[in-house]
Protein backbone atom coordinates (compact mmCIF):
# COMPACT_ATOMS: atom_id res chain seq x y z
CA MET A 1 99.21 -113.84 31.93
CA ARG A 2 99.33 -110.52 30.21
CA ALA A 3 102.70 -108.11 30.90
CA PRO A 4 102.12 -105.58 33.81
CA HIS A 5 103.53 -103.15 31.78
CA TYR A 6 100.30 -103.58 28.70
CA GLU A 7 97.99 -103.05 31.56
CA GLU A 8 99.92 -99.93 32.45
CA ARG A 9 99.32 -98.63 28.75
CA MET A 10 96.08 -99.49 28.63
CA LYS A 11 94.94 -97.73 31.66
CA LYS A 12 96.67 -94.88 30.34
CA PHE A 13 94.91 -94.46 27.17
CA THR A 14 91.46 -94.92 28.98
CA HIS A 15 92.81 -91.84 30.89
CA TYR A 16 93.46 -90.38 27.42
CA ALA A 17 90.39 -91.33 25.38
CA THR A 18 87.76 -90.19 28.50
CA PHE A 19 89.70 -87.03 28.49
CA ILE A 20 89.86 -86.50 24.32
CA ALA A 21 85.81 -87.43 24.77
CA ALA A 22 85.55 -84.92 27.32
CA VAL A 23 87.24 -82.56 25.20
CA ALA A 24 85.84 -82.39 22.14
CA THR A 25 82.26 -82.70 24.14
CA CYS A 26 82.70 -79.37 25.34
CA ILE A 27 83.77 -78.01 21.64
CA LEU A 28 81.09 -79.74 20.32
CA ALA A 29 78.50 -78.02 22.97
CA LEU A 30 80.75 -74.65 22.54
CA SER A 31 80.42 -74.97 18.96
CA CYS A 32 76.56 -75.28 19.08
CA ALA A 33 75.78 -72.06 21.37
CA SER A 34 77.44 -70.23 18.96
CA GLN A 35 75.89 -71.40 15.87
CA LEU A 36 72.29 -70.42 18.27
CA LYS A 37 73.77 -67.01 19.24
CA VAL A 38 74.50 -66.08 15.83
CA GLN A 39 70.96 -67.59 14.78
CA SER A 40 69.64 -65.23 17.41
CA GLN A 41 71.04 -61.71 16.42
CA THR A 42 70.34 -62.15 12.75
CA PRO A 43 66.85 -61.13 11.54
CA GLU A 44 65.19 -63.27 9.78
CA ALA A 45 64.16 -62.58 6.45
CA PRO A 46 60.54 -61.29 5.89
CA VAL A 47 58.90 -63.50 4.51
CA ALA A 48 56.63 -62.78 0.96
CA GLN A 49 53.08 -62.87 1.54
CA ALA A 50 50.59 -63.25 -0.85
CA PRO A 51 48.74 -59.44 -1.64
CA LYS A 52 45.67 -58.92 -0.15
CA ALA A 53 42.61 -58.83 -2.37
CA ALA A 54 41.57 -55.44 -3.19
CA SER A 55 38.17 -54.30 -1.84
CA PRO A 56 35.59 -53.25 -4.43
CA ALA A 57 35.18 -49.63 -4.86
CA PRO A 58 31.58 -48.79 -3.67
CA GLU A 59 29.33 -48.26 -7.10
CA PRO A 60 28.35 -44.44 -7.66
CA LYS A 61 25.11 -43.59 -6.11
CA ALA A 62 22.87 -42.46 -9.22
CA GLN A 63 22.11 -38.48 -9.66
CA VAL A 64 19.07 -37.32 -9.19
CA ALA A 65 17.78 -35.07 -12.08
CA ALA A 66 17.27 -31.47 -11.41
CA PRO A 67 13.35 -30.84 -10.01
CA ASP A 68 12.71 -28.31 -12.77
CA GLU A 69 9.50 -29.27 -13.35
CA GLU A 70 8.11 -29.04 -9.53
CA ARG A 71 9.69 -25.82 -9.34
CA ALA A 72 7.74 -24.20 -12.02
CA LYS A 73 4.70 -25.39 -10.66
CA ALA A 74 5.71 -24.16 -7.24
CA SER A 75 6.85 -20.53 -9.23
CA ALA A 76 3.31 -20.72 -10.76
CA LEU A 77 0.89 -21.23 -7.94
CA ARG A 78 3.35 -18.38 -6.01
CA LYS A 79 2.93 -16.37 -8.60
CA ARG A 80 -0.86 -16.54 -8.48
CA ALA A 81 -1.11 -16.06 -4.92
CA PHE A 82 0.70 -13.31 -5.28
CA ASP A 83 -1.24 -11.61 -7.42
CA LEU A 84 -4.28 -12.62 -6.04
CA GLY A 85 -3.39 -10.47 -2.97
CA ILE A 86 -3.60 -13.69 -0.66
CA LYS A 87 -0.51 -12.43 1.32
CA ASP A 88 -3.21 -9.75 2.69
CA VAL A 89 -5.83 -12.01 4.31
CA LEU A 90 -3.58 -15.50 5.06
CA PRO A 91 0.03 -13.86 5.94
CA GLU A 92 0.95 -16.61 8.74
CA ASP A 93 -0.33 -19.72 5.82
CA TYR A 94 1.53 -17.39 2.78
CA ALA A 95 4.90 -17.18 5.07
CA ALA A 96 4.57 -21.37 5.45
CA ALA A 97 4.65 -21.79 1.94
CA GLU A 98 6.96 -18.96 0.97
CA LYS A 99 9.65 -21.03 3.88
CA ALA A 100 8.86 -24.25 1.70
CA PHE A 101 9.61 -22.70 -1.56
CA ALA A 102 13.19 -21.26 -0.39
CA ALA A 103 14.24 -24.51 1.12
CA GLY A 104 13.45 -25.94 -2.46
CA ASN A 105 15.49 -23.00 -4.18
CA GLU A 106 18.54 -23.97 -1.31
CA SER A 107 18.50 -27.38 -2.07
CA TYR A 108 18.55 -26.91 -5.56
CA GLY A 109 21.68 -28.31 -7.26
CA LYS A 110 22.99 -29.99 -4.24
CA ASP A 111 20.09 -31.95 -2.89
CA ASN A 112 17.70 -32.30 -5.50
CA ALA A 113 15.59 -35.11 -3.82
CA ALA A 114 14.89 -32.40 -1.05
CA ALA A 115 14.96 -30.31 -3.39
CA GLY A 116 11.92 -31.93 -5.25
CA LEU A 117 10.13 -32.82 -1.59
CA SER A 118 10.00 -29.30 -0.81
CA PHE A 119 8.78 -27.74 -4.00
CA THR A 120 6.07 -30.22 -4.03
CA ASP A 121 5.70 -29.42 -0.09
CA ALA A 122 5.37 -25.80 -1.50
CA SER A 123 2.95 -26.71 -4.47
CA GLY A 124 0.42 -28.32 -1.64
CA LYS A 125 0.35 -25.15 0.17
CA TYR A 126 0.10 -22.41 -2.30
CA ALA A 127 -2.86 -24.47 -3.50
CA ALA A 128 -4.16 -24.85 -0.05
CA LEU A 129 -3.77 -21.39 0.43
CA ILE A 130 -5.39 -20.03 -2.41
CA ASN A 131 -8.53 -22.34 -2.17
CA LYS A 132 -8.84 -20.78 1.65
CA GLY A 133 -8.18 -17.58 0.17
CA LEU A 134 -10.49 -17.23 -2.76
CA PRO A 135 -13.95 -16.37 -0.62
CA LEU A 136 -11.87 -14.72 1.79
CA LEU A 137 -11.39 -11.60 -1.24
CA ALA A 138 -14.24 -12.55 -2.59
CA SER A 139 -15.76 -10.84 0.64
CA GLN A 140 -13.50 -8.42 1.27
CA ALA A 141 -14.20 -7.24 -2.59
CA ARG A 142 -17.92 -7.32 -2.23
CA GLU A 143 -17.34 -5.04 0.81
CA ASN A 144 -15.13 -2.50 -0.65
CA ALA A 145 -17.63 -2.11 -3.58
CA GLU A 146 -20.72 -1.43 -1.34
CA LYS A 147 -18.90 1.04 0.13
CA LEU A 148 -17.91 2.80 -2.64
CA ARG A 149 -21.88 2.13 -4.00
CA LYS A 150 -23.45 3.73 -0.69
CA ILE A 151 -20.84 7.11 -1.54
CA ALA A 152 -22.26 7.29 -4.85
CA GLN A 153 -25.94 6.56 -3.61
CA ASP A 154 -25.51 9.10 -1.08
CA LYS A 155 -23.61 11.75 -3.45
CA GLY A 156 -26.98 11.82 -5.68
CA ALA A 157 -25.76 9.57 -8.44
CA PRO A 158 -29.06 7.77 -9.20
CA GLY A 159 -30.24 11.01 -10.27
CA TYR A 160 -27.61 12.83 -11.80
CA PHE A 161 -25.86 10.01 -13.78
CA ALA A 162 -29.15 7.71 -14.36
CA SER A 163 -27.82 6.01 -17.77
CA GLN A 164 -24.40 5.34 -15.83
CA TRP A 165 -25.93 4.54 -12.59
CA THR A 166 -28.02 1.57 -14.86
CA GLN A 167 -24.28 0.52 -16.03
CA ALA A 168 -22.60 0.20 -12.63
CA GLU A 169 -25.73 -1.80 -10.99
CA ALA A 170 -25.31 -4.17 -13.99
CA ASP A 171 -21.55 -4.58 -13.00
CA TRP A 172 -22.26 -4.78 -9.79
CA ALA A 173 -25.07 -7.78 -9.75
CA ALA A 174 -22.96 -10.19 -12.05
CA PRO A 175 -20.00 -10.90 -9.62
CA GLN A 176 -22.88 -11.85 -6.66
CA LYS A 177 -24.09 -14.33 -8.40
CA ALA A 178 -20.85 -15.56 -9.57
CA GLU A 179 -19.61 -15.41 -5.39
CA ASN A 180 -23.03 -17.57 -4.71
CA SER A 181 -22.09 -20.23 -6.70
CA GLY A 182 -18.61 -20.61 -6.52
CA GLY A 183 -16.84 -18.58 -9.13
CA TYR A 184 -14.71 -16.57 -6.56
CA GLU A 185 -12.07 -15.25 -9.02
CA ALA A 186 -14.71 -14.28 -11.46
CA ALA A 187 -16.38 -12.80 -8.05
CA ILE A 188 -13.66 -10.73 -7.70
CA SER A 189 -12.72 -9.18 -10.98
CA GLY A 190 -16.59 -7.97 -11.15
CA TYR A 191 -16.59 -6.54 -7.61
CA HIS A 192 -13.73 -4.82 -8.66
CA ALA A 193 -14.90 -3.71 -12.34
CA ALA A 194 -18.21 -2.23 -10.37
CA SER A 195 -15.92 -0.42 -7.56
CA ARG A 196 -14.47 1.45 -10.55
CA ASP A 197 -18.11 2.04 -11.55
CA TYR A 198 -18.79 3.61 -8.43
CA GLU A 199 -15.45 5.06 -7.64
CA ALA A 200 -16.18 7.11 -11.15
CA LEU A 201 -19.79 8.11 -10.51
CA TYR A 202 -19.22 9.87 -6.94
CA LYS A 203 -16.38 11.49 -8.23
CA LEU A 204 -18.31 12.46 -11.04
CA CYS A 205 -21.01 13.92 -8.12
CA ASP A 206 -18.07 15.94 -6.63
CA ALA A 207 -17.24 17.60 -9.63
CA LYS A 208 -20.84 18.33 -10.51
CA ALA A 209 -20.57 20.18 -7.13
CA ALA A 210 -17.20 21.79 -7.95
CA ARG A 211 -18.61 23.06 -11.21
CA GLU A 212 -21.79 24.47 -9.76
CA TYR A 213 -20.09 26.30 -7.02
CA ILE A 214 -18.21 28.07 -9.81
CA ALA A 215 -21.04 29.17 -11.61
CA SER A 216 -23.08 30.14 -9.11
CA ARG A 217 -21.12 33.01 -8.49
CA ASP A 218 -19.79 33.63 -11.80
CA LEU A 219 -16.42 32.63 -10.89
CA ALA A 220 -15.35 31.03 -14.81
CA LYS A 221 -14.89 34.78 -16.06
CA TRP A 222 -12.05 35.44 -13.37
CA ALA A 223 -9.63 31.61 -14.33
CA SER A 224 -11.43 30.77 -17.93
CA SER A 225 -8.80 28.54 -18.68
CA PRO A 226 -8.50 25.94 -16.03
CA TRP A 227 -12.62 26.59 -16.25
CA THR A 228 -12.40 25.04 -19.66
CA LEU A 229 -10.08 22.82 -19.21
CA ALA A 230 -12.45 21.23 -16.41
CA GLU A 231 -15.18 21.65 -18.60
CA THR A 232 -13.68 19.16 -21.28
CA LYS A 233 -12.52 16.59 -18.74
CA TYR A 234 -15.83 16.84 -16.89
CA GLN A 235 -17.56 15.65 -20.45
CA ALA A 236 -15.16 12.93 -21.09
CA ALA A 237 -15.65 11.25 -18.04
CA GLN A 238 -19.51 10.80 -18.75
CA ASP A 239 -18.55 9.75 -22.23
CA LEU A 240 -16.00 7.38 -21.03
CA PHE A 241 -17.68 5.74 -18.60
CA VAL A 242 -19.20 2.82 -20.31
CA LYS A 243 -16.46 1.29 -22.69
CA ASP A 244 -13.41 2.31 -20.23
CA THR A 245 -13.95 3.22 -16.58
CA PRO A 246 -10.51 3.67 -15.83
CA SER A 247 -10.12 6.46 -18.14
CA SER A 248 -13.24 7.99 -16.87
CA ILE A 249 -11.99 7.94 -13.85
CA THR A 250 -8.67 9.55 -14.59
CA SER A 251 -10.73 12.31 -16.69
CA VAL A 252 -12.85 13.29 -13.69
CA ASP A 253 -9.76 13.19 -11.33
CA GLU A 254 -8.28 15.53 -13.76
CA ALA A 255 -12.10 17.88 -14.07
CA LEU A 256 -11.71 17.50 -10.23
CA LEU A 257 -8.03 19.30 -10.21
CA ARG A 258 -8.66 21.87 -12.86
CA TYR A 259 -12.12 23.11 -11.19
CA GLY A 260 -9.94 23.46 -8.12
CA ILE A 261 -7.45 25.53 -9.53
CA ALA A 262 -10.58 27.80 -10.85
CA ARG A 263 -11.73 28.08 -7.72
CA SER A 264 -8.78 29.19 -6.06
CA THR A 265 -7.70 31.69 -8.99
CA ALA A 266 -10.88 33.24 -9.21
CA LEU A 267 -11.60 33.56 -5.42
CA GLU A 268 -9.06 35.92 -4.84
CA TYR A 269 -10.38 38.30 -7.65
CA TYR A 270 -13.97 37.43 -6.22
CA ALA A 271 -12.94 38.72 -2.65
CA GLY A 272 -11.64 41.54 -3.99
CA ASP A 273 -14.61 42.13 -6.14
CA ARG A 274 -17.26 41.77 -3.42
CA LYS A 275 -14.91 43.80 -1.34
CA LYS A 276 -15.64 46.99 -3.44
CA ALA A 277 -18.94 45.83 -3.38
CA SER A 278 -19.36 46.08 0.34
CA GLU A 279 -17.43 49.28 0.19
CA THR A 280 -20.41 50.60 -2.44
CA GLU A 281 -22.79 50.00 0.51
CA ARG A 282 -21.05 50.77 3.14
CA ASP A 283 -20.22 54.61 1.37
CA ARG A 284 -24.13 54.75 0.41
CA ALA A 285 -25.14 54.50 4.45
CA SER A 286 -22.68 56.90 5.39
CA GLY A 287 -23.90 59.05 2.93
CA ILE A 288 -27.05 59.59 5.44
CA LYS A 289 -25.26 59.23 8.21
CA SER A 290 -26.33 55.77 9.39
CA GLU A 291 -23.26 55.66 12.00
CA VAL A 292 -25.35 57.90 13.64
CA ALA A 293 -29.06 56.63 13.03
CA VAL A 294 -28.75 53.18 13.18
CA LYS A 295 -25.38 53.24 15.02
CA ASP A 296 -25.34 49.53 16.14
CA GLU A 297 -26.16 48.41 12.76
CA PHE A 298 -23.59 50.29 11.03
CA ALA A 299 -20.91 48.80 13.90
CA GLN A 300 -22.03 45.54 13.03
CA ALA A 301 -21.20 45.89 9.87
CA THR A 302 -18.00 47.46 10.15
CA THR A 303 -17.26 44.55 12.04
CA LEU A 304 -18.30 41.67 9.52
CA TYR A 305 -15.93 44.26 7.06
CA ASP A 306 -12.70 44.25 9.28
CA LYS A 307 -12.77 39.94 9.63
CA ALA A 308 -13.63 40.27 5.65
CA GLN A 309 -10.06 42.55 5.83
CA LYS A 310 -8.28 39.97 7.85
CA ALA A 311 -9.35 36.81 5.75
CA GLN A 312 -8.49 38.15 3.03
CA GLU A 313 -4.85 39.41 4.28
CA ALA A 314 -5.03 35.41 5.63
CA LYS A 315 -5.32 34.36 2.01
CA ASP A 316 -8.64 32.71 2.89
CA TYR A 317 -10.38 33.78 -0.05
CA GLU A 318 -13.34 32.20 0.35
CA SER A 319 -14.39 33.42 3.71
CA SER A 320 -12.91 36.60 3.25
CA ALA A 321 -15.95 37.10 0.00
CA ALA A 322 -18.25 35.68 2.10
CA LEU A 323 -17.67 38.05 4.90
CA TYR A 324 -17.79 41.19 2.79
CA ASP A 325 -21.31 39.79 0.91
CA SER A 326 -22.32 39.95 4.47
CA ALA A 327 -20.86 42.98 5.57
CA ALA A 328 -22.52 44.65 2.16
CA LYS A 329 -26.55 43.66 3.24
CA ALA A 330 -25.58 44.59 6.79
CA PHE A 331 -24.75 48.29 5.09
CA SER A 332 -27.60 48.06 3.00
CA ALA A 333 -29.83 47.24 5.79
CA ALA A 334 -28.13 50.52 7.78
CA TYR A 335 -29.17 52.67 5.07
CA VAL A 336 -32.66 51.03 4.91
CA HIS A 337 -32.92 51.79 8.47
CA ALA A 338 -31.39 55.05 8.42
CA LYS A 339 -33.31 55.95 5.86
CA ALA A 340 -36.50 55.46 7.05
CA LYS A 341 -35.93 57.37 10.12
CA MET A 342 -34.50 59.77 7.96
CA ASP A 343 -37.42 59.72 6.42
CA THR A 344 -40.10 59.91 9.54
CA ALA A 345 -38.52 62.73 10.51
CA GLN A 346 -38.19 64.90 7.24
CA ASN A 347 -41.90 63.85 7.24
CA GLU A 348 -42.78 65.06 10.83
CA LEU A 349 -40.73 68.48 10.06
CA GLY A 350 -43.19 68.89 7.25
CA GLU A 351 -46.02 68.56 8.95
CA LEU A 352 -44.88 70.64 11.67
CA ASP A 353 -43.78 73.29 9.63
CA ALA A 354 -46.83 73.21 7.94
CA ALA A 355 -49.00 73.09 11.06
CA ILE A 356 -46.84 76.42 12.19
CA ALA A 357 -47.51 77.81 8.44
CA SER A 358 -51.24 77.44 9.08
CA LYS A 359 -51.03 79.11 12.45
CA LYS A 360 -49.51 81.89 11.19
CA ALA A 361 -52.01 82.48 8.56
CA ALA A 362 -54.84 82.40 11.55
CA VAL A 363 -53.31 84.47 13.10
CA ASN A 364 -53.13 87.43 9.98
CA GLU A 365 -56.49 86.26 9.33
CA GLY A 366 -57.50 87.63 12.88
CA ARG A 367 -55.88 91.29 12.84
């Protein structure tokens, strides 16, 4: 048997061991908790990541060359349409082509692909409106030539300027054939040439009429300088007709201008000359008392004279000269009629005197 104090010592040791184990457990627990707290409060070191592969750069777009060829083609067609005058006969179609051309210019250098498409579109539009407009322009040119031809014909060109008229008729026939065969541009050019021919011809007729007016009244002596120049230009217009119609037109225009100056200058002097002539006739009529013998006729002549004076004061020399001439004729007629009455009266008086003398003689013989 063991001793009692041994058992007691074993009990105490057991108690101490249990206590120490509990304390150790607590210390261990506290130590673990402290480590966990520290670990939770300490930030984790960043984990190095492998760099991402860079995405490949997009391939640059291929540069579109400037559409210079398309632009040049559109520009050439545009100029042709403009020179032909297509705008006047097809304004809406022309505006559409211009819009496409402007769009090409706007995109040029910014978006050459779009610019090229716009210029190509413009070229198509210009070409289409040219094809559509040429027949219209040919018809228009023909109608204009026909009008001028009729004017020249009505003014007497075939008779007054036969050789020039023959040339004009040949120039008129050629474009008609071209138009009928579809040669519209040749027809247009030909009709324009014929129009110039007929313009020159009708103006030559006008110049001829102006020339004859001056010559018939002997007005050239009152304006010799413009008359001489007009004559020179009038002849030059006829000589230039066949080889240079535009110059012929320029010359005949100058002739018409100079004939006009000669006429207006001369008429002022002519009116004064006609006034003197009418006054001469008036004085002759008054010399035999026409204002008494043929009172009404003389009064009418005086009225014409007064109107002529008013027209002269208003510088309407042409009307004034014509009225003075009319007054002169009226005074002359009054003189003739008054003279006739006077002669009749004198004859009657002579016969009366003869009868009286005869009776006196008979009385004397009977005594």
